[in-house]
C-alpha atoms as a PDB file:
ATOM      1  CA  UNK A   1      49.056  20.262  12.394  1.00  0.00           C
ATOM      2  CA  UNK A   2      47.771  19.132  15.727  1.00  0.00           C
ATOM      3  CA  UNK A   3      44.271  20.348  16.329  1.00  0.00           C
ATOM      4  CA  UNK A   4      43.768  22.431  19.414  1.00  0.00           C
ATOM      5  CA  UNK A   5      41.319  21.015  21.895  1.00  0.00           C
ATOM      6  CA  UNK A   6      38.207  23.119  21.955  1.00  0.00           C
ATOM      7  CA  UNK A   7      37.796  24.746  25.334  1.00  0.00           C
ATOM      8  CA  UNK A   8      34.487  24.156  27.047  1.00  0.00           C
ATOM      9  CA  UNK A   9      32.418  27.211  27.604  1.00  0.00           C
ATOM     10  CA  UNK A  10      31.690  28.103  31.194  1.00  0.00           C
ATOM     11  CA  UNK A  11      28.656  29.893  32.566  1.00  0.00           C
ATOM     12  CA  UNK A  12      30.862  32.136  34.668  1.00  0.00           C
ATOM     13  CA  UNK A  13      32.961  35.069  33.517  1.00  0.00           C
ATOM     14  CA  UNK A  14      32.104  37.136  30.444  1.00  0.00           C
ATOM     15  CA  UNK A  15      30.060  34.416  28.771  1.00  0.00           C
ATOM     16  CA  UNK A  16      28.054  33.956  31.939  1.00  0.00           C
ATOM     17  CA  UNK A  17      27.304  37.665  32.127  1.00  0.00           C
ATOM     18  CA  UNK A  18      26.055  37.634  28.538  1.00  0.00           C
ATOM     19  CA  UNK A  19      23.846  34.634  29.321  1.00  0.00           C
ATOM     20  CA  UNK A  20      22.353  36.429  32.323  1.00  0.00           C
ATOM     21  CA  UNK A  21      21.595  39.549  30.297  1.00  0.00           C
ATOM     22  CA  UNK A  22      20.044  37.436  27.540  1.00  0.00           C
ATOM     23  CA  UNK A  23      17.859  35.624  30.045  1.00  0.00           C
ATOM     24  CA  UNK A  24      16.645  38.918  31.516  1.00  0.00           C
ATOM     25  CA  UNK A  25      15.439  40.071  28.099  1.00  0.00           C
ATOM     26  CA  UNK A  26      13.297  36.978  27.504  1.00  0.00           C
ATOM     27  CA  UNK A  27       9.569  36.968  28.099  1.00  0.00           C
ATOM     28  CA  UNK A  28       8.232  34.954  31.000  1.00  0.00           C
ATOM     29  CA  UNK A  29       6.863  32.176  28.785  1.00  0.00           C
ATOM     30  CA  UNK A  30      10.292  31.229  27.447  1.00  0.00           C
ATOM     31  CA  UNK A  31      12.454  32.174  30.409  1.00  0.00           C
ATOM     32  CA  UNK A  32      11.916  28.909  32.270  1.00  0.00           C
ATOM     33  CA  UNK A  33      12.628  26.889  29.130  1.00  0.00           C
ATOM     34  CA  UNK A  34      15.871  28.812  28.640  1.00  0.00           C
ATOM     35  CA  UNK A  35      16.928  28.106  32.222  1.00  0.00           C
ATOM     36  CA  UNK A  36      16.166  24.409  31.776  1.00  0.00           C
ATOM     37  CA  UNK A  37      18.258  24.400  28.605  1.00  0.00           C
ATOM     38  CA  UNK A  38      21.181  25.787  30.607  1.00  0.00           C
ATOM     39  CA  UNK A  39      20.622  23.139  33.263  1.00  0.00           C
ATOM     40  CA  UNK A  40      20.581  20.449  30.580  1.00  0.00           C
ATOM     41  CA  UNK A  41      23.883  21.654  29.124  1.00  0.00           C
ATOM     42  CA  UNK A  42      25.344  21.853  32.603  1.00  0.00           C
ATOM     43  CA  UNK A  43      24.213  18.307  33.366  1.00  0.00           C
ATOM     44  CA  UNK A  44      25.852  16.984  30.215  1.00  0.00           C
ATOM     45  CA  UNK A  45      29.148  18.647  31.164  1.00  0.00           C
ATOM     46  CA  UNK A  46      28.965  20.881  28.104  1.00  0.00           C
ATOM     47  CA  UNK A  47      29.131  24.118  30.038  1.00  0.00           C
ATOM     48  CA  UNK A  48      31.484  22.962  32.767  1.00  0.00           C
ATOM     49  CA  UNK A  49      30.896  21.092  36.011  1.00  0.00           C
ATOM     50  CA  UNK A  50      31.101  23.966  38.466  1.00  0.00           C
ATOM     51  CA  UNK A  51      30.859  26.831  35.996  1.00  0.00           C
ATOM     52  CA  UNK A  52      28.855  29.187  38.163  1.00  0.00           C
ATOM     53  CA  UNK A  53      26.435  26.553  39.513  1.00  0.00           C
ATOM     54  CA  UNK A  54      26.491  23.504  41.743  1.00  0.00           C
ATOM     55  CA  UNK A  55      24.308  20.459  42.295  1.00  0.00           C
ATOM     56  CA  UNK A  56      21.960  20.795  45.292  1.00  0.00           C
ATOM     57  CA  UNK A  57      22.648  17.241  46.408  1.00  0.00           C
ATOM     58  CA  UNK A  58      26.377  17.909  46.431  1.00  0.00           C
ATOM     59  CA  UNK A  59      25.882  21.016  48.551  1.00  0.00           C
ATOM     60  CA  UNK A  60      23.595  19.198  50.941  1.00  0.00           C
ATOM     61  CA  UNK A  61      25.864  16.194  51.447  1.00  0.00           C
ATOM     62  CA  UNK A  62      28.995  18.305  51.825  1.00  0.00           C
ATOM     63  CA  UNK A  63      27.295  20.723  54.198  1.00  0.00           C
ATOM     64  CA  UNK A  64      25.968  18.088  56.568  1.00  0.00           C
ATOM     65  CA  UNK A  65      29.248  16.170  56.428  1.00  0.00           C
ATOM     66  CA  UNK A  66      31.319  19.277  57.264  1.00  0.00           C
ATOM     67  CA  UNK A  67      29.095  21.559  59.341  1.00  0.00           C
ATOM     68  CA  UNK A  68      29.572  21.134  63.093  1.00  0.00           C
ATOM     69  CA  UNK A  69      26.419  22.523  64.658  1.00  0.00           C
ATOM     70  CA  UNK A  70      26.961  24.637  67.748  1.00  0.00           C
ATOM     71  CA  UNK A  71      25.002  24.548  71.016  1.00  0.00           C
ATOM     72  CA  UNK A  72      22.120  26.402  69.333  1.00  0.00           C
ATOM     73  CA  UNK A  73      21.175  25.224  65.881  1.00  0.00           C
ATOM     74  CA  UNK A  74      20.943  28.023  63.337  1.00  0.00           C
ATOM     75  CA  UNK A  75      17.504  28.621  61.857  1.00  0.00           C
ATOM     76  CA  UNK A  76      17.192  30.149  58.368  1.00  0.00           C
ATOM     77  CA  UNK A  77      15.461  33.490  58.045  1.00  0.00           C
ATOM     78  CA  UNK A  78      13.647  35.079  55.143  1.00  0.00           C
ATOM     79  CA  UNK A  79      15.778  36.717  52.494  1.00  0.00           C
ATOM     80  CA  UNK A  80      14.383  40.171  53.243  1.00  0.00           C
ATOM     81  CA  UNK A  81      15.715  39.855  56.813  1.00  0.00           C
ATOM     82  CA  UNK A  82      19.336  39.253  55.804  1.00  0.00           C
ATOM     83  CA  UNK A  83      21.801  41.664  57.355  1.00  0.00           C
ATOM     84  CA  UNK A  84      25.475  40.860  57.061  1.00  0.00           C
ATOM     85  CA  UNK A  85      26.416  43.373  59.760  1.00  0.00           C
ATOM     86  CA  UNK A  86      24.012  42.043  62.386  1.00  0.00           C
ATOM     87  CA  UNK A  87      25.265  39.093  64.442  1.00  0.00           C
ATOM     88  CA  UNK A  88      21.989  38.296  66.208  1.00  0.00           C
ATOM     89  CA  UNK A  89      20.537  36.898  62.961  1.00  0.00           C
ATOM     90  CA  UNK A  90      23.427  34.453  62.671  1.00  0.00           C
ATOM     91  CA  UNK A  91      24.659  36.022  59.449  1.00  0.00           C
ATOM     92  CA  UNK A  92      27.345  38.294  60.873  1.00  0.00           C
ATOM     93  CA  UNK A  93      29.823  37.810  58.064  1.00  0.00           C
ATOM     94  CA  UNK A  94      30.328  39.354  54.668  1.00  0.00           C
ATOM     95  CA  UNK A  95      31.031  37.687  51.328  1.00  0.00           C
ATOM     96  CA  UNK A  96      34.547  38.168  50.027  1.00  0.00           C
ATOM     97  CA  UNK A  97      33.681  40.754  47.390  1.00  0.00           C
ATOM     98  CA  UNK A  98      37.356  41.353  46.675  1.00  0.00           C
ATOM     99  CA  UNK A  99      37.308  37.947  44.958  1.00  0.00           C
ATOM    100  CA  UNK A 100      33.792  38.439  43.572  1.00  0.00           C
ATOM    101  CA  UNK A 101      32.411  35.787  45.940  1.00  0.00           C
ATOM    102  CA  UNK A 102      28.755  36.785  45.994  1.00  0.00           C
ATOM    103  CA  UNK A 103      27.087  33.382  45.915  1.00  0.00           C
ATOM    104  CA  UNK A 104      27.411  32.662  49.616  1.00  0.00           C
ATOM    105  CA  UNK A 105      24.124  34.441  50.336  1.00  0.00           C
ATOM    106  CA  UNK A 106      22.315  31.777  48.307  1.00  0.00           C
ATOM    107  CA  UNK A 107      23.684  28.746  50.151  1.00  0.00           C
ATOM    108  CA  UNK A 108      24.545  30.309  53.506  1.00  0.00           C
ATOM    109  CA  UNK A 109      26.333  27.940  55.868  1.00  0.00           C
ATOM    110  CA  UNK A 110      29.206  28.185  58.293  1.00  0.00           C
ATOM    111  CA  UNK A 111      32.062  28.108  57.611  1.00  0.00           C
ATOM    112  CA  UNK A 112      31.909  30.045  54.377  1.00  0.00           C
ATOM    113  CA  UNK A 113      34.191  27.505  52.652  1.00  0.00           C
ATOM    114  CA  UNK A 114      31.208  25.153  52.504  1.00  0.00           C
ATOM    115  CA  UNK A 115      29.215  27.603  50.406  1.00  0.00           C
ATOM    116  CA  UNK A 116      28.803  27.772  46.671  1.00  0.00           C
ATOM    117  CA  UNK A 117      30.451  31.020  45.687  1.00  0.00           C
ATOM    118  CA  UNK A 118      32.449  32.917  43.095  1.00  0.00           C
ATOM    119  CA  UNK A 119      29.732  34.013  40.694  1.00  0.00           C
ATOM    120  CA  UNK A 120      29.632  37.283  38.814  1.00  0.00           C
ATOM    121  CA  UNK A 121      27.538  40.163  40.139  1.00  0.00           C
ATOM    122  CA  UNK A 122      24.829  40.059  37.420  1.00  0.00           C
ATOM    123  CA  UNK A 123      24.237  36.375  38.186  1.00  0.00           C
ATOM    124  CA  UNK A 124      24.053  37.109  41.906  1.00  0.00           C
ATOM    125  CA  UNK A 125      21.636  40.017  41.411  1.00  0.00           C
ATOM    126  CA  UNK A 126      19.379  37.981  39.160  1.00  0.00           C
ATOM    127  CA  UNK A 127      19.188  34.992  41.513  1.00  0.00           C
ATOM    128  CA  UNK A 128      18.630  37.232  44.517  1.00  0.00           C
ATOM    129  CA  UNK A 129      15.741  39.046  42.795  1.00  0.00           C
ATOM    130  CA  UNK A 130      14.126  35.765  41.769  1.00  0.00           C
ATOM    131  CA  UNK A 131      14.409  34.348  45.301  1.00  0.00           C
ATOM    132  CA  UNK A 132      12.952  37.517  46.816  1.00  0.00           C
ATOM    133  CA  UNK A 133      10.075  37.456  44.328  1.00  0.00           C
ATOM    134  CA  UNK A 134       9.332  33.811  45.122  1.00  0.00           C
ATOM    135  CA  UNK A 135       9.521  34.517  48.845  1.00  0.00           C
ATOM    136  CA  UNK A 136       7.031  37.368  48.467  1.00  0.00           C
ATOM    137  CA  UNK A 137       4.606  35.208  46.467  1.00  0.00           C
ATOM    138  CA  UNK A 138       4.696  32.423  49.046  1.00  0.00           C
ATOM    139  CA  UNK A 139       4.158  34.976  51.809  1.00  0.00           C
ATOM    140  CA  UNK A 140       0.998  36.258  50.116  1.00  0.00           C
ATOM    141  CA  UNK A 141      -0.327  32.743  49.566  1.00  0.00           C
ATOM    142  CA  UNK A 142       0.256  31.603  53.148  1.00  0.00           C
ATOM    143  CA  UNK A 143       0.304  34.606  55.506  1.00  0.00           C
ATOM    144  CA  UNK A 144      -1.388  32.592  58.261  1.00  0.00           C
ATOM    145  CA  UNK A 145       1.446  30.087  58.679  1.00  0.00           C
ATOM    146  CA  UNK A 146       3.485  30.393  61.860  1.00  0.00           C
ATOM    147  CA  UNK A 147       2.285  33.850  62.943  1.00  0.00           C
ATOM    148  CA  UNK A 148       3.129  35.557  59.690  1.00  0.00           C
ATOM    149  CA  UNK A 149       6.283  33.611  58.924  1.00  0.00           C
ATOM    150  CA  UNK A 150       5.981  31.613  55.738  1.00  0.00           C
ATOM    151  CA  UNK A 151       7.744  28.521  57.112  1.00  0.00           C
ATOM    152  CA  UNK A 152       7.644  27.476  60.751  1.00  0.00           C
ATOM    153  CA  UNK A 153      10.707  26.495  62.776  1.00  0.00           C
ATOM    154  CA  UNK A 154       9.628  22.840  62.804  1.00  0.00           C
ATOM    155  CA  UNK A 155       9.266  22.893  59.027  1.00  0.00           C
ATOM    156  CA  UNK A 156      12.751  24.405  58.665  1.00  0.00           C
ATOM    157  CA  UNK A 157      14.179  21.634  60.848  1.00  0.00           C
ATOM    158  CA  UNK A 158      12.531  19.028  58.636  1.00  0.00           C
ATOM    159  CA  UNK A 159      13.957  20.727  55.568  1.00  0.00           C
ATOM    160  CA  UNK A 160      17.463  20.731  57.036  1.00  0.00           C
ATOM    161  CA  UNK A 161      17.323  17.227  58.468  1.00  0.00           C
ATOM    162  CA  UNK A 162      19.961  14.849  57.231  1.00  0.00           C
ATOM    163  CA  UNK A 163      18.701  12.745  54.327  1.00  0.00           C
ATOM    164  CA  UNK A 164      20.746   9.592  54.126  1.00  0.00           C
ATOM    165  CA  UNK A 165      19.262   8.442  50.837  1.00  0.00           C
ATOM    166  CA  UNK A 166      21.137  11.214  49.010  1.00  0.00           C
ATOM    167  CA  UNK A 167      24.347   9.387  49.902  1.00  0.00           C
ATOM    168  CA  UNK A 168      23.375   6.433  47.706  1.00  0.00           C
ATOM    169  CA  UNK A 169      24.808   7.279  44.300  1.00  0.00           C
ATOM    170  CA  UNK A 170      23.255   4.184  42.723  1.00  0.00           C
ATOM    171  CA  UNK A 171      19.677   5.401  43.003  1.00  0.00           C
ATOM    172  CA  UNK A 172      17.716   8.478  41.962  1.00  0.00           C
ATOM    173  CA  UNK A 173      14.966  10.049  44.026  1.00  0.00           C
ATOM    174  CA  UNK A 174      12.330  12.665  43.353  1.00  0.00           C
ATOM    175  CA  UNK A 175      10.192  13.736  46.285  1.00  0.00           C
ATOM    176  CA  UNK A 176       7.668  16.466  45.547  1.00  0.00           C
ATOM    177  CA  UNK A 177       5.080  17.683  48.041  1.00  0.00           C
ATOM    178  CA  UNK A 178       2.329  20.120  47.178  1.00  0.00           C
ATOM    179  CA  UNK A 179      -0.188  21.936  49.354  1.00  0.00           C
ATOM    180  CA  UNK A 180      -2.790  24.600  48.666  1.00  0.00           C
ATOM    181  CA  UNK A 181      -5.743  26.331  50.276  1.00  0.00           C
ATOM    182  CA  UNK A 182      -8.258  24.134  48.433  1.00  0.00           C
ATOM    183  CA  UNK A 183      -8.278  20.889  46.380  1.00  0.00           C
ATOM    184  CA  UNK A 184      -8.763  22.803  43.127  1.00  0.00           C
ATOM    185  CA  UNK A 185      -5.613  24.895  43.624  1.00  0.00           C
ATOM    186  CA  UNK A 186      -3.701  21.828  44.751  1.00  0.00           C
ATOM    187  CA  UNK A 187      -4.578  20.040  41.514  1.00  0.00           C
ATOM    188  CA  UNK A 188      -3.400  23.064  39.506  1.00  0.00           C
ATOM    189  CA  UNK A 189      -0.055  23.114  41.315  1.00  0.00           C
ATOM    190  CA  UNK A 190       0.374  19.339  40.901  1.00  0.00           C
ATOM    191  CA  UNK A 191      -0.122  19.669  37.148  1.00  0.00           C
ATOM    192  CA  UNK A 192       2.331  22.579  37.113  1.00  0.00           C
ATOM    193  CA  UNK A 193       5.015  20.544  38.907  1.00  0.00           C
ATOM    194  CA  UNK A 194       4.392  17.490  36.740  1.00  0.00           C
ATOM    195  CA  UNK A 195       4.766  19.509  33.538  1.00  0.00           C
ATOM    196  CA  UNK A 196       8.035  21.086  34.651  1.00  0.00           C
ATOM    197  CA  UNK A 197       9.426  17.736  35.770  1.00  0.00           C
ATOM    198  CA  UNK A 198       8.743  16.399  32.282  1.00  0.00           C
ATOM    199  CA  UNK A 199      10.622  19.362  30.814  1.00  0.00           C
ATOM    200  CA  UNK A 200      13.514  18.725  33.170  1.00  0.00           C
ATOM    201  CA  UNK A 201      13.736  15.063  32.147  1.00  0.00           C
ATOM    202  CA  UNK A 202      13.521  16.043  28.495  1.00  0.00           C
ATOM    203  CA  UNK A 203      16.533  18.357  28.678  1.00  0.00           C
ATOM    204  CA  UNK A 204      18.571  15.971  30.823  1.00  0.00           C
ATOM    205  CA  UNK A 205      17.937  12.781  28.911  1.00  0.00           C
END
């Protein structure tokens, strides 16, 4: 008998929901390792190419190649300020919840077709909570930046500037910047980033 080809598991759908619930029950020490394991499987095409996640470089290149900026360039706002019903923030649209498209809040661009979307609600809720928690931590660490705003407008423009080197598929780049209130804290954060980069390489390669 002809063997049936084993279907690859995806991180979306029922299996994705189970993975999210499992991740929520883990303690903080192992949670990051579990996430990196998922990233490693995703990178090896074991869990599907676009199974509920997408590569940041792909999003960035596609966004800048497709997004026609209007007369006034949109400036990102903090997550806590999001209001889908308010046009003056530049976010006056709603995700297509009829098709379970919740992900657009995480990579918000216009038009919505350029967004990563179509994730299940537990995944959306988890990512949104983690982003809000990170935003709150950064706000406490740097309340003096830009009159209370964590990131200034000029810094946002630098973040969103077109990076041509991402277009070169023959090379790999890692650019990590770290700042802190004192040299001691900066050294701690540098060691933290270095350790997690090693973990990332370990699971990918």
